[in-house]
Amino acid sequence: MEIEIKRIYDVYSADDGMRVLVDRLWPRGIKKSETIIDSWQKDLAPSTGLRKWFDHDPGKWNDFKNKYLTELEDKKEKINLLLRSCTVSKITFLYAAKSRDYNQAVVLKEYIEKNIQEKKYRRVK
């Protein structure tokens, strides 16, 4: 399974595969009726408290990442459901943050890929 990340404001591509929004809040300036997403997984996003604390501050990145990884450990069932529901070989995680390097989609992608390699999640074919 291939996992990509992309800002929701980026241009849609048919090559995106299954498009999954991984933000807790709906992105500003985007109309639900005018965007192409297959799923909105707000429960996979960082908790409200963690999101507000981080505030996309690169200086807090390592602490944010570790805290979010801890939160993801409690969301394994939801991640498995998402992966099983994917009928294509590619998932694109969508996020709204301005930073392409410091956002939850980066952490979620890394977490899932690591766990697939360690066979903690079932691959979808």
PDB file of N, CA and C in Angstrom:
ATOM      1  N   MET A   1       0.840  -1.178   0.000  1.00  0.00           N
ATOM      2  CA  MET A   1       0.000   0.000   0.000  1.00  0.00           C
ATOM      3  C   MET A   1       0.882   1.237   0.000  1.00  0.00           C
ATOM      4  N   GLU A   2       0.525   2.153  -0.840  1.00  0.00           N
ATOM      5  CA  GLU A   2       1.251   3.415  -0.935  1.00  0.00           C
ATOM      6  C   GLU A   2       0.446   4.490  -0.210  1.00  0.00           C
ATOM      7  N   ILE A   3       1.129   5.272   0.607  1.00  0.00           N
ATOM      8  CA  ILE A   3       0.490   6.366   1.324  1.00  0.00           C
ATOM      9  C   ILE A   3       1.195   7.657   0.946  1.00  0.00           C
ATOM     10  N   GLU A   4       0.411   8.634   0.535  1.00  0.00           N
ATOM     11  CA  GLU A   4       0.932   9.960   0.199  1.00  0.00           C
ATOM     12  C   GLU A   4       0.273  10.975   1.125  1.00  0.00           C
ATOM     13  N   ILE A   5       0.853  12.151   1.187  1.00  0.00           N
ATOM     14  CA  ILE A   5       0.236  13.247   1.924  1.00  0.00           C
ATOM     15  C   ILE A   5       0.166  14.455   1.002  1.00  0.00           C
ATOM     16  N   LYS A   6      -0.883  15.259   1.232  1.00  0.00           N
ATOM     17  CA  LYS A   6      -1.133  16.378   0.333  1.00  0.00           C
ATOM     18  C   LYS A   6      -1.995  17.403   1.064  1.00  0.00           C
ATOM     19  N   ARG A   7      -1.729  18.671   0.825  1.00  0.00           N
ATOM     20  CA  ARG A   7      -2.614  19.705   1.376  1.00  0.00           C
ATOM     21  C   ARG A   7      -3.966  19.613   0.679  1.00  0.00           C
ATOM     22  N   ILE A   8      -5.008  19.822   1.427  1.00  0.00           N
ATOM     23  CA  ILE A   8      -6.349  19.757   0.839  1.00  0.00           C
ATOM     24  C   ILE A   8      -6.539  20.870  -0.183  1.00  0.00           C
ATOM     25  N   TYR A   9      -5.735  21.918  -0.084  1.00  0.00           N
ATOM     26  CA  TYR A   9      -5.822  23.047  -1.012  1.00  0.00           C
ATOM     27  C   TYR A   9      -5.104  22.763  -2.335  1.00  0.00           C
ATOM     28  N   ASP A  10      -4.323  21.678  -2.387  1.00  0.00           N
ATOM     29  CA  ASP A  10      -3.643  21.304  -3.627  1.00  0.00           C
ATOM     30  C   ASP A  10      -4.656  20.767  -4.635  1.00  0.00           C
ATOM     31  N   VAL A  11      -4.281  20.796  -5.881  1.00  0.00           N
ATOM     32  CA  VAL A  11      -5.158  20.348  -6.963  1.00  0.00           C
ATOM     33  C   VAL A  11      -5.423  18.844  -6.852  1.00  0.00           C
ATOM     34  N   TYR A  12      -6.681  18.471  -7.031  1.00  0.00           N
ATOM     35  CA  TYR A  12      -7.081  17.068  -7.056  1.00  0.00           C
ATOM     36  C   TYR A  12      -6.418  16.360  -8.222  1.00  0.00           C
ATOM     37  N   SER A  13      -6.043  15.111  -7.996  1.00  0.00           N
ATOM     38  CA  SER A  13      -5.520  14.269  -9.069  1.00  0.00           C
ATOM     39  C   SER A  13      -6.186  12.902  -8.970  1.00  0.00           C
ATOM     40  N   ALA A  14      -6.524  12.343 -10.103  1.00  0.00           N
ATOM     41  CA  ALA A  14      -7.108  11.003 -10.122  1.00  0.00           C
ATOM     42  C   ALA A  14      -6.121   9.978  -9.572  1.00  0.00           C
ATOM     43  N   ASP A  15      -4.837  10.322  -9.562  1.00  0.00           N
ATOM     44  CA  ASP A  15      -3.805   9.426  -9.029  1.00  0.00           C
ATOM     45  C   ASP A  15      -3.730   9.449  -7.502  1.00  0.00           C
ATOM     46  N   ASP A  16      -4.556  10.253  -6.847  1.00  0.00           N
ATOM     47  CA  ASP A  16      -4.529  10.342  -5.381  1.00  0.00           C
ATOM     48  C   ASP A  16      -4.998   9.067  -4.703  1.00  0.00           C
ATOM     49  N   GLY A  17      -5.734   8.238  -5.407  1.00  0.00           N
ATOM     50  CA  GLY A  17      -6.294   7.045  -4.768  1.00  0.00           C
ATOM     51  C   GLY A  17      -7.415   7.450  -3.830  1.00  0.00           C
ATOM     52  N   MET A  18      -7.504   6.768  -2.690  1.00  0.00           N
ATOM     53  CA  MET A  18      -8.507   7.109  -1.682  1.00  0.00           C
ATOM     54  C   MET A  18      -8.040   8.363  -0.940  1.00  0.00           C
ATOM     55  N   ARG A  19      -8.851   9.408  -0.971  1.00  0.00           N
ATOM     56  CA  ARG A  19      -8.490  10.694  -0.349  1.00  0.00           C
ATOM     57  C   ARG A  19      -9.143  10.789   1.026  1.00  0.00           C
ATOM     58  N   VAL A  20      -8.297  10.920   2.063  1.00  0.00           N
ATOM     59  CA  VAL A  20      -8.767  10.900   3.442  1.00  0.00           C
ATOM     60  C   VAL A  20      -8.316  12.169   4.155  1.00  0.00           C
ATOM     61  N   LEU A  21      -9.267  12.957   4.610  1.00  0.00           N
ATOM     62  CA  LEU A  21      -8.952  14.145   5.391  1.00  0.00           C
ATOM     63  C   LEU A  21      -8.655  13.711   6.818  1.00  0.00           C
ATOM     64  N   VAL A  22      -7.488  14.120   7.336  1.00  0.00           N
ATOM     65  CA  VAL A  22      -7.065  13.703   8.678  1.00  0.00           C
ATOM     66  C   VAL A  22      -6.929  14.900   9.623  1.00  0.00           C
ATOM     67  N   ASP A  23      -7.753  15.906   9.430  1.00  0.00           N
ATOM     68  CA  ASP A  23      -7.826  17.061  10.319  1.00  0.00           C
ATOM     69  C   ASP A  23      -9.039  16.911  11.231  1.00  0.00           C
ATOM     70  N   ARG A  24      -8.932  17.402  12.448  1.00  0.00           N
ATOM     71  CA  ARG A  24     -10.058  17.363  13.377  1.00  0.00           C
ATOM     72  C   ARG A  24     -11.116  18.402  12.990  1.00  0.00           C
ATOM     73  N   LEU A  25     -10.672  19.543  12.459  1.00  0.00           N
ATOM     74  CA  LEU A  25     -11.580  20.608  12.047  1.00  0.00           C
ATOM     75  C   LEU A  25     -11.650  20.670  10.526  1.00  0.00           C
ATOM     76  N   TRP A  26     -12.814  21.073  10.021  1.00  0.00           N
ATOM     77  CA  TRP A  26     -12.940  21.232   8.568  1.00  0.00           C
ATOM     78  C   TRP A  26     -12.063  22.408   8.141  1.00  0.00           C
ATOM     79  N   PRO A  27     -11.306  22.270   7.049  1.00  0.00           N
ATOM     80  CA  PRO A  27     -10.392  23.326   6.589  1.00  0.00           C
ATOM     81  C   PRO A  27     -11.113  24.612   6.189  1.00  0.00           C
ATOM     82  N   ARG A  28     -10.502  25.725   6.545  1.00  0.00           N
ATOM     83  CA  ARG A  28     -11.055  27.038   6.211  1.00  0.00           C
ATOM     84  C   ARG A  28     -11.073  27.248   4.698  1.00  0.00           C
ATOM     85  N   GLY A  29     -12.139  27.869   4.229  1.00  0.00           N
ATOM     86  CA  GLY A  29     -12.230  28.245   2.826  1.00  0.00           C
ATOM     87  C   GLY A  29     -12.557  27.111   1.873  1.00  0.00           C
ATOM     88  N   ILE A  30     -12.815  25.942   2.399  1.00  0.00           N
ATOM     89  CA  ILE A  30     -13.137  24.788   1.558  1.00  0.00           C
ATOM     90  C   ILE A  30     -14.601  24.413   1.790  1.00  0.00           C
ATOM     91  N   LYS A  31     -15.371  24.373   0.726  1.00  0.00           N
ATOM     92  CA  LYS A  31     -16.760  23.950   0.838  1.00  0.00           C
ATOM     93  C   LYS A  31     -16.825  22.424   0.725  1.00  0.00           C
ATOM     94  N   LYS A  32     -17.555  21.817   1.624  1.00  0.00           N
ATOM     95  CA  LYS A  32     -17.685  20.358   1.606  1.00  0.00           C
ATOM     96  C   LYS A  32     -18.214  19.867   0.262  1.00  0.00           C
ATOM     97  N   SER A  33     -19.096  20.632  -0.322  1.00  0.00           N
ATOM     98  CA  SER A  33     -19.711  20.218  -1.583  1.00  0.00           C
ATOM     99  C   SER A  33     -18.764  20.391  -2.780  1.00  0.00           C
ATOM    100  N   GLU A  34     -17.670  21.111  -2.587  1.00  0.00           N
ATOM    101  CA  GLU A  34     -16.774  21.387  -3.713  1.00  0.00           C
ATOM    102  C   GLU A  34     -15.416  20.702  -3.597  1.00  0.00           C
ATOM    103  N   THR A  35     -15.265  19.791  -2.663  1.00  0.00           N
ATOM    104  CA  THR A  35     -13.993  19.087  -2.536  1.00  0.00           C
ATOM    105  C   THR A  35     -14.212  17.600  -2.747  1.00  0.00           C
ATOM    106  N   ILE A  36     -13.174  16.940  -3.154  1.00  0.00           N
ATOM    107  CA  ILE A  36     -13.265  15.511  -3.399  1.00  0.00           C
ATOM    108  C   ILE A  36     -12.493  14.790  -2.301  1.00  0.00           C
ATOM    109  N   ILE A  37     -13.253  14.206  -1.373  1.00  0.00           N
ATOM    110  CA  ILE A  37     -12.657  13.351  -0.356  1.00  0.00           C
ATOM    111  C   ILE A  37     -13.515  12.096  -0.251  1.00  0.00           C
ATOM    112  N   ASP A  38     -12.871  11.003   0.097  1.00  0.00           N
ATOM    113  CA  ASP A  38     -13.598   9.749   0.275  1.00  0.00           C
ATOM    114  C   ASP A  38     -13.976   9.514   1.725  1.00  0.00           C
ATOM    115  N   SER A  39     -13.210  10.137   2.629  1.00  0.00           N
ATOM    116  CA  SER A  39     -13.449   9.905   4.039  1.00  0.00           C
ATOM    117  C   SER A  39     -12.863  11.052   4.849  1.00  0.00           C
ATOM    118  N   TRP A  40     -13.549  11.413   5.926  1.00  0.00           N
ATOM    119  CA  TRP A  40     -13.028  12.411   6.865  1.00  0.00           C
ATOM    120  C   TRP A  40     -12.806  11.679   8.180  1.00  0.00           C
ATOM    121  N   GLN A  41     -11.567  11.446   8.519  1.00  0.00           N
ATOM    122  CA  GLN A  41     -11.202  10.691   9.711  1.00  0.00           C
ATOM    123  C   GLN A  41     -10.724  11.629  10.816  1.00  0.00           C
ATOM    124  N   LYS A  42     -11.642  12.434  11.333  1.00  0.00           N
ATOM    125  CA  LYS A  42     -11.243  13.406  12.359  1.00  0.00           C
ATOM    126  C   LYS A  42     -10.808  12.723  13.644  1.00  0.00           C
ATOM    127  N   ASP A  43     -11.255  11.494  13.876  1.00  0.00           N
ATOM    128  CA  ASP A  43     -10.829  10.768  15.078  1.00  0.00           C
ATOM    129  C   ASP A  43      -9.374  10.317  15.002  1.00  0.00           C
ATOM    130  N   LEU A  44      -8.788  10.320  13.817  1.00  0.00           N
ATOM    131  CA  LEU A  44      -7.363   9.976  13.681  1.00  0.00           C
ATOM    132  C   LEU A  44      -6.472  11.206  13.831  1.00  0.00           C
ATOM    133  N   ALA A  45      -7.067  12.372  13.886  1.00  0.00           N
ATOM    134  CA  ALA A  45      -6.304  13.610  14.060  1.00  0.00           C
ATOM    135  C   ALA A  45      -5.857  13.730  15.517  1.00  0.00           C
ATOM    136  N   PRO A  46      -4.869  14.571  15.775  1.00  0.00           N
ATOM    137  CA  PRO A  46      -4.459  14.798  17.163  1.00  0.00           C
ATOM    138  C   PRO A  46      -5.626  15.334  17.992  1.00  0.00           C
ATOM    139  N   SER A  47      -5.605  15.052  19.282  1.00  0.00           N
ATOM    140  CA  SER A  47      -6.638  15.568  20.177  1.00  0.00           C
ATOM    141  C   SER A  47      -6.659  17.093  20.112  1.00  0.00           C
ATOM    142  N   THR A  48      -7.762  17.659  20.505  1.00  0.00           N
ATOM    143  CA  THR A  48      -7.893  19.122  20.498  1.00  0.00           C
ATOM    144  C   THR A  48      -6.813  19.768  21.357  1.00  0.00           C
ATOM    145  N   GLY A  49      -6.584  19.218  22.532  1.00  0.00           N
ATOM    146  CA  GLY A  49      -5.564  19.773  23.419  1.00  0.00           C
ATOM    147  C   GLY A  49      -4.177  19.741  22.805  1.00  0.00           C
ATOM    148  N   LEU A  50      -3.821  18.622  22.180  1.00  0.00           N
ATOM    149  CA  LEU A  50      -2.509  18.499  21.549  1.00  0.00           C
ATOM    150  C   LEU A  50      -2.394  19.430  20.346  1.00  0.00           C
ATOM    151  N   ARG A  51      -3.460  19.508  19.565  1.00  0.00           N
ATOM    152  CA  ARG A  51      -3.459  20.385  18.385  1.00  0.00           C
ATOM    153  C   ARG A  51      -3.252  21.840  18.792  1.00  0.00           C
ATOM    154  N   LYS A  52      -3.980  22.272  19.806  1.00  0.00           N
ATOM    155  CA  LYS A  52      -3.860  23.662  20.257  1.00  0.00           C
ATOM    156  C   LYS A  52      -2.486  23.928  20.865  1.00  0.00           C
ATOM    157  N   TRP A  53      -1.967  22.976  21.633  1.00  0.00           N
ATOM    158  CA  TRP A  53      -0.647  23.147  22.251  1.00  0.00           C
ATOM    159  C   TRP A  53       0.438  23.269  21.173  1.00  0.00           C
ATOM    160  N   PHE A  54       0.387  22.413  20.176  1.00  0.00           N
ATOM    161  CA  PHE A  54       1.401  22.407  19.115  1.00  0.00           C
ATOM    162  C   PHE A  54       1.361  23.699  18.304  1.00  0.00           C
ATOM    163  N   ASP A  55       0.185  24.092  17.855  1.00  0.00           N
ATOM    164  CA  ASP A  55      -0.016  25.323  17.101  1.00  0.00           C
ATOM    165  C   ASP A  55       0.967  25.453  15.928  1.00  0.00           C
ATOM    166  N   HIS A  56       1.360  24.340  15.354  1.00  0.00           N
ATOM    167  CA  HIS A  56       2.258  24.274  14.196  1.00  0.00           C
ATOM    168  C   HIS A  56       3.581  24.999  14.432  1.00  0.00           C
ATOM    169  N   ASP A  57       4.074  24.906  15.652  1.00  0.00           N
ATOM    170  CA  ASP A  57       5.357  25.504  16.030  1.00  0.00           C
ATOM    171  C   ASP A  57       6.468  24.484  15.788  1.00  0.00           C
ATOM    172  N   PRO A  58       7.338  24.713  14.794  1.00  0.00           N
ATOM    173  CA  PRO A  58       8.408  23.747  14.502  1.00  0.00           C
ATOM    174  C   PRO A  58       9.288  23.441  15.717  1.00  0.00           C
ATOM    175  N   GLY A  59       9.393  24.378  16.656  1.00  0.00           N
ATOM    176  CA  GLY A  59      10.185  24.146  17.860  1.00  0.00           C
ATOM    177  C   GLY A  59       9.584  23.096  18.780  1.00  0.00           C
ATOM    178  N   LYS A  60       8.285  22.825  18.611  1.00  0.00           N
ATOM    179  CA  LYS A  60       7.595  21.812  19.413  1.00  0.00           C
ATOM    180  C   LYS A  60       7.431  20.492  18.649  1.00  0.00           C
ATOM    181  N   TRP A  61       7.989  20.420  17.445  1.00  0.00           N
ATOM    182  CA  TRP A  61       7.734  19.290  16.558  1.00  0.00           C
ATOM    183  C   TRP A  61       8.041  17.931  17.196  1.00  0.00           C
ATOM    184  N   ASN A  62       9.228  17.762  17.754  1.00  0.00           N
ATOM    185  CA  ASN A  62       9.599  16.451  18.306  1.00  0.00           C
ATOM    186  C   ASN A  62       8.674  16.043  19.449  1.00  0.00           C
ATOM    187  N   ASP A  63       8.341  16.989  20.329  1.00  0.00           N
ATOM    188  CA  ASP A  63       7.415  16.678  21.420  1.00  0.00           C
ATOM    189  C   ASP A  63       6.020  16.375  20.881  1.00  0.00           C
ATOM    190  N   PHE A  64       5.578  17.164  19.898  1.00  0.00           N
ATOM    191  CA  PHE A  64       4.273  16.921  19.282  1.00  0.00           C
ATOM    192  C   PHE A  64       4.230  15.519  18.676  1.00  0.00           C
ATOM    193  N   LYS A  65       5.249  15.202  17.927  1.00  0.00           N
ATOM    194  CA  LYS A  65       5.306  13.910  17.250  1.00  0.00           C
ATOM    195  C   LYS A  65       5.212  12.769  18.265  1.00  0.00           C
ATOM    196  N   ASN A  66       5.984  12.839  19.330  1.00  0.00           N
ATOM    197  CA  ASN A  66       5.960  11.779  20.346  1.00  0.00           C
ATOM    198  C   ASN A  66       4.596  11.675  21.025  1.00  0.00           C
ATOM    199  N   LYS A  67       3.990  12.809  21.337  1.00  0.00           N
ATOM    200  CA  LYS A  67       2.676  12.805  21.983  1.00  0.00           C
ATOM    201  C   LYS A  67       1.597  12.278  21.038  1.00  0.00           C
ATOM    202  N   TYR A  68       1.693  12.650  19.768  1.00  0.00           N
ATOM    203  CA  TYR A  68       0.709  12.171  18.790  1.00  0.00           C
ATOM    204  C   TYR A  68       0.877  10.675  18.540  1.00  0.00           C
ATOM    205  N   LEU A  69       2.099  10.201  18.486  1.00  0.00           N
ATOM    206  CA  LEU A  69       2.336   8.758  18.337  1.00  0.00           C
ATOM    207  C   LEU A  69       1.718   7.986  19.499  1.00  0.00           C
ATOM    208  N   THR A  70       1.808   8.545  20.697  1.00  0.00           N
ATOM    209  CA  THR A  70       1.178   7.918  21.864  1.00  0.00           C
ATOM    210  C   THR A  70      -0.336   7.873  21.678  1.00  0.00           C
ATOM    211  N   GLU A  71      -0.920   8.963  21.184  1.00  0.00           N
ATOM    212  CA  GLU A  71      -2.362   8.977  20.924  1.00  0.00           C
ATOM    213  C   GLU A  71      -2.744   7.946  19.865  1.00  0.00           C
ATOM    214  N   LEU A  72      -1.915   7.789  18.852  1.00  0.00           N
ATOM    215  CA  LEU A  72      -2.225   6.838  17.779  1.00  0.00           C
ATOM    216  C   LEU A  72      -2.246   5.393  18.275  1.00  0.00           C
ATOM    217  N   GLU A  73      -1.496   5.100  19.298  1.00  0.00           N
ATOM    218  CA  GLU A  73      -1.503   3.745  19.861  1.00  0.00           C
ATOM    219  C   GLU A  73      -2.901   3.359  20.338  1.00  0.00           C
ATOM    220  N   ASP A  74      -3.701   4.338  20.742  1.00  0.00           N
ATOM    221  CA  ASP A  74      -5.068   4.072  21.195  1.00  0.00           C
ATOM    222  C   ASP A  74      -6.075   4.065  20.047  1.00  0.00           C
ATOM    223  N   LYS A  75      -5.596   4.273  18.829  1.00  0.00           N
ATOM    224  CA  LYS A  75      -6.493   4.368  17.672  1.00  0.00           C
ATOM    225  C   LYS A  75      -6.250   3.255  16.649  1.00  0.00           C
ATOM    226  N   LYS A  76      -5.599   2.186  17.076  1.00  0.00           N
ATOM    227  CA  LYS A  76      -5.248   1.113  16.140  1.00  0.00           C
ATOM    228  C   LYS A  76      -6.465   0.509  15.454  1.00  0.00           C
ATOM    229  N   GLU A  77      -7.548   0.338  16.191  1.00  0.00           N
ATOM    230  CA  GLU A  77      -8.745  -0.251  15.598  1.00  0.00           C
ATOM    231  C   GLU A  77      -9.293   0.631  14.474  1.00  0.00           C
ATOM    232  N   LYS A  78      -9.310   1.942  14.693  1.00  0.00           N
ATOM    233  CA  LYS A  78      -9.800   2.874  13.669  1.00  0.00           C
ATOM    234  C   LYS A  78      -8.885   2.876  12.450  1.00  0.00           C
ATOM    235  N   ILE A  79      -7.589   2.782  12.688  1.00  0.00           N
ATOM    236  CA  ILE A  79      -6.639   2.727  11.571  1.00  0.00           C
ATOM    237  C   ILE A  79      -6.851   1.449  10.773  1.00  0.00           C
ATOM    238  N   ASN A  80      -7.025   0.327  11.455  1.00  0.00           N
ATOM    239  CA  ASN A  80      -7.283  -0.936  10.760  1.00  0.00           C
ATOM    240  C   ASN A  80      -8.556  -0.867   9.931  1.00  0.00           C
ATOM    241  N   LEU A  81      -9.602  -0.263  10.476  1.00  0.00           N
ATOM    242  CA  LEU A  81     -10.850  -0.121   9.722  1.00  0.00           C
ATOM    243  C   LEU A  81     -10.635   0.715   8.463  1.00  0.00           C
ATOM    244  N   LEU A  82      -9.878   1.786   8.592  1.00  0.00           N
ATOM    245  CA  LEU A  82      -9.582   2.633   7.435  1.00  0.00           C
ATOM    246  C   LEU A  82      -8.813   1.836   6.382  1.00  0.00           C
ATOM    247  N   LEU A  83      -7.785   1.132   6.799  1.00  0.00           N
ATOM    248  CA  LEU A  83      -6.979   0.380   5.840  1.00  0.00           C
ATOM    249  C   LEU A  83      -7.784  -0.728   5.173  1.00  0.00           C
ATOM    250  N   ARG A  84      -8.638  -1.389   5.918  1.00  0.00           N
ATOM    251  CA  ARG A  84      -9.464  -2.457   5.340  1.00  0.00           C
ATOM    252  C   ARG A  84     -10.503  -1.913   4.371  1.00  0.00           C
ATOM    253  N   SER A  85     -10.949  -0.682   4.611  1.00  0.00           N
ATOM    254  CA  SER A  85     -11.977  -0.105   3.741  1.00  0.00           C
ATOM    255  C   SER A  85     -11.405   0.397   2.420  1.00  0.00           C
ATOM    256  N   CYS A  86     -10.099   0.489   2.349  1.00  0.00           N
ATOM    257  CA  CYS A  86      -9.468   1.004   1.134  1.00  0.00           C
ATOM    258  C   CYS A  86      -9.453  -0.080   0.068  1.00  0.00           C
ATOM    259  N   THR A  87     -10.096   0.197  -1.051  1.00  0.00           N
ATOM    260  CA  THR A  87     -10.179  -0.782  -2.127  1.00  0.00           C
ATOM    261  C   THR A  87      -9.167  -0.507  -3.234  1.00  0.00           C
ATOM    262  N   VAL A  88      -8.357   0.514  -3.050  1.00  0.00           N
ATOM    263  CA  VAL A  88      -7.311   0.838  -4.014  1.00  0.00           C
ATOM    264  C   VAL A  88      -5.961   0.706  -3.324  1.00  0.00           C
ATOM    265  N   SER A  89      -4.894   0.734  -4.094  1.00  0.00           N
ATOM    266  CA  SER A  89      -3.571   0.503  -3.514  1.00  0.00           C
ATOM    267  C   SER A  89      -2.902   1.766  -2.995  1.00  0.00           C
ATOM    268  N   LYS A  90      -3.594   2.903  -3.106  1.00  0.00           N
ATOM    269  CA  LYS A  90      -3.000   4.161  -2.669  1.00  0.00           C
ATOM    270  C   LYS A  90      -3.990   4.961  -1.840  1.00  0.00           C
ATOM    271  N   ILE A  91      -3.484   5.536  -0.747  1.00  0.00           N
ATOM    272  CA  ILE A  91      -4.254   6.447   0.092  1.00  0.00           C
ATOM    273  C   ILE A  91      -3.501   7.769   0.125  1.00  0.00           C
ATOM    274  N   THR A  92      -4.235   8.857   0.008  1.00  0.00           N
ATOM    275  CA  THR A  92      -3.645  10.182   0.182  1.00  0.00           C
ATOM    276  C   THR A  92      -4.281  10.827   1.392  1.00  0.00           C
ATOM    277  N   PHE A  93      -3.437  11.111   2.398  1.00  0.00           N
ATOM    278  CA  PHE A  93      -3.903  11.820   3.577  1.00  0.00           C
ATOM    279  C   PHE A  93      -3.894  13.312   3.282  1.00  0.00           C
ATOM    280  N   LEU A  94      -5.026  13.945   3.498  1.00  0.00           N
ATOM    281  CA  LEU A  94      -5.181  15.377   3.259  1.00  0.00           C
ATOM    282  C   LEU A  94      -5.149  16.121   4.584  1.00  0.00           C
ATOM    283  N   TYR A  95      -4.503  17.277   4.579  1.00  0.00           N
ATOM    284  CA  TYR A  95      -4.404  18.111   5.771  1.00  0.00           C
ATOM    285  C   TYR A  95      -4.481  19.565   5.324  1.00  0.00           C
ATOM    286  N   ALA A  96      -4.751  20.471   6.265  1.00  0.00           N
ATOM    287  CA  ALA A  96      -4.906  21.883   5.909  1.00  0.00           C
ATOM    288  C   ALA A  96      -3.731  22.755   6.326  1.00  0.00           C
ATOM    289  N   ALA A  97      -2.869  22.272   7.193  1.00  0.00           N
ATOM    290  CA  ALA A  97      -1.760  23.085   7.711  1.00  0.00           C
ATOM    291  C   ALA A  97      -0.924  23.671   6.579  1.00  0.00           C
ATOM    292  N   LYS A  98      -0.356  24.838   6.821  1.00  0.00           N
ATOM    293  CA  LYS A  98       0.498  25.477   5.818  1.00  0.00           C
ATOM    294  C   LYS A  98       1.810  24.731   5.634  1.00  0.00           C
ATOM    295  N   SER A  99       2.349  24.203   6.720  1.00  0.00           N
ATOM    296  CA  SER A  99       3.634  23.520   6.653  1.00  0.00           C
ATOM    297  C   SER A  99       3.484  22.114   6.094  1.00  0.00           C
ATOM    298  N   ARG A 100       4.265  21.819   5.083  1.00  0.00           N
ATOM    299  CA  ARG A 100       4.255  20.479   4.504  1.00  0.00           C
ATOM    300  C   ARG A 100       5.108  19.502   5.314  1.00  0.00           C
ATOM    301  N   ASP A 101       5.947  20.029   6.199  1.00  0.00           N
ATOM    302  CA  ASP A 101       6.858  19.194   6.979  1.00  0.00           C
ATOM    303  C   ASP A 101       6.403  18.958   8.404  1.00  0.00           C
ATOM    304  N   TYR A 102       5.646  19.892   8.968  1.00  0.00           N
ATOM    305  CA  TYR A 102       5.260  19.829  10.372  1.00  0.00           C
ATOM    306  C   TYR A 102       3.747  19.772  10.506  1.00  0.00           C
ATOM    307  N   ASN A 103       3.181  18.593  10.258  1.00  0.00           N
ATOM    308  CA  ASN A 103       1.738  18.405  10.385  1.00  0.00           C
ATOM    309  C   ASN A 103       1.442  16.951  10.732  1.00  0.00           C
ATOM    310  N   GLN A 104       0.241  16.702  11.193  1.00  0.00           N
ATOM    311  CA  GLN A 104      -0.128  15.369  11.668  1.00  0.00           C
ATOM    312  C   GLN A 104      -0.124  14.311  10.573  1.00  0.00           C
ATOM    313  N   ALA A 105      -0.362  14.690   9.327  1.00  0.00           N
ATOM    314  CA  ALA A 105      -0.377  13.705   8.244  1.00  0.00           C
ATOM    315  C   ALA A 105       0.999  13.068   8.073  1.00  0.00           C
ATOM    316  N   VAL A 106       2.057  13.835   8.279  1.00  0.00           N
ATOM    317  CA  VAL A 106       3.422  13.312   8.194  1.00  0.00           C
ATOM    318  C   VAL A 106       3.612  12.219   9.238  1.00  0.00           C
ATOM    319  N   VAL A 107       3.165  12.486  10.453  1.00  0.00           N
ATOM    320  CA  VAL A 107       3.323  11.529  11.554  1.00  0.00           C
ATOM    321  C   VAL A 107       2.452  10.291  11.326  1.00  0.00           C
ATOM    322  N   LEU A 108       1.208  10.500  10.920  1.00  0.00           N
ATOM    323  CA  LEU A 108       0.287   9.390  10.683  1.00  0.00           C
ATOM    324  C   LEU A 108       0.806   8.470   9.588  1.00  0.00           C
ATOM    325  N   LYS A 109       1.299   9.042   8.504  1.00  0.00           N
ATOM    326  CA  LYS A 109       1.861   8.254   7.407  1.00  0.00           C
ATOM    327  C   LYS A 109       3.036   7.408   7.907  1.00  0.00           C
ATOM    328  N   GLU A 110       3.941   8.034   8.619  1.00  0.00           N
ATOM    329  CA  GLU A 110       5.112   7.329   9.142  1.00  0.00           C
ATOM    330  C   GLU A 110       4.693   6.204  10.097  1.00  0.00           C
ATOM    331  N   TYR A 111       3.744   6.486  10.958  1.00  0.00           N
ATOM    332  CA  TYR A 111       3.257   5.505  11.923  1.00  0.00           C
ATOM    333  C   TYR A 111       2.659   4.283  11.225  1.00  0.00           C
ATOM    334  N   ILE A 112       1.791   4.526  10.250  1.00  0.00           N
ATOM    335  CA  ILE A 112       1.136   3.415   9.559  1.00  0.00           C
ATOM    336  C   ILE A 112       2.145   2.611   8.746  1.00  0.00           C
ATOM    337  N   GLU A 113       3.033   3.284   8.029  1.00  0.00           N
ATOM    338  CA  GLU A 113       4.024   2.558   7.227  1.00  0.00           C
ATOM    339  C   GLU A 113       4.915   1.690   8.111  1.00  0.00           C
ATOM    340  N   LYS A 114       5.323   2.200   9.251  1.00  0.00           N
ATOM    341  CA  LYS A 114       6.155   1.425  10.173  1.00  0.00           C
ATOM    342  C   LYS A 114       5.394   0.199  10.674  1.00  0.00           C
ATOM    343  N   ASN A 115       4.133   0.390  11.033  1.00  0.00           N
ATOM    344  CA  ASN A 115       3.348  -0.717  11.557  1.00  0.00           C
ATOM    345  C   ASN A 115       2.974  -1.736  10.491  1.00  0.00           C
ATOM    346  N   ILE A 116       2.833  -1.317   9.246  1.00  0.00           N
ATOM    347  CA  ILE A 116       2.606  -2.274   8.162  1.00  0.00           C
ATOM    348  C   ILE A 116       3.857  -3.132   7.981  1.00  0.00           C
ATOM    349  N   GLN A 117       5.021  -2.489   7.993  1.00  0.00           N
ATOM    350  CA  GLN A 117       6.272  -3.245   7.857  1.00  0.00           C
ATOM    351  C   GLN A 117       6.440  -4.245   8.991  1.00  0.00           C
ATOM    352  N   GLU A 118       6.034  -3.862  10.192  1.00  0.00           N
ATOM    353  CA  GLU A 118       6.152  -4.748  11.345  1.00  0.00           C
ATOM    354  C   GLU A 118       4.966  -5.712  11.440  1.00  0.00           C
ATOM    355  N   LYS A 119       4.104  -5.673  10.426  1.00  0.00           N
ATOM    356  CA  LYS A 119       2.943  -6.551  10.308  1.00  0.00           C
ATOM    357  C   LYS A 119       1.946  -6.398  11.443  1.00  0.00           C
ATOM    358  N   LYS A 120       1.864  -5.195  12.012  1.00  0.00           N
ATOM    359  CA  LYS A 120       0.867  -4.919  13.042  1.00  0.00           C
ATOM    360  C   LYS A 120      -0.474  -4.560  12.397  1.00  0.00           C
ATOM    361  N   TYR A 121      -0.417  -4.146  11.136  1.00  0.00           N
ATOM    362  CA  TYR A 121      -1.623  -3.861  10.376  1.00  0.00           C
ATOM    363  C   TYR A 121      -1.640  -4.777   9.166  1.00  0.00           C
ATOM    364  N   ARG A 122      -2.840  -5.141   8.781  1.00  0.00           N
ATOM    365  CA  ARG A 122      -3.002  -6.010   7.629  1.00  0.00           C
ATOM    366  C   ARG A 122      -2.953  -5.195   6.353  1.00  0.00           C
ATOM    367  N   ARG A 123      -2.145  -5.632   5.424  1.00  0.00           N
ATOM    368  CA  ARG A 123      -2.092  -4.954   4.126  1.00  0.00           C
ATOM    369  C   ARG A 123      -3.371  -5.169   3.357  1.00  0.00           C
ATOM    370  N   VAL A 124      -3.766  -4.162   2.635  1.00  0.00           N
ATOM    371  CA  VAL A 124      -4.936  -4.243   1.781  1.00  0.00           C
ATOM    372  C   VAL A 124      -4.447  -4.401   0.360  1.00  0.00           C
ATOM    373  N   LYS A 125      -4.986  -5.360  -0.359  1.00  0.00           N
ATOM    374  CA  LYS A 125      -4.535  -5.590  -1.737  1.00  0.00           C
ATOM    375  C   LYS A 125      -5.620  -5.285  -2.714  1.00  0.00           C
TER     376      LYS A 125
END
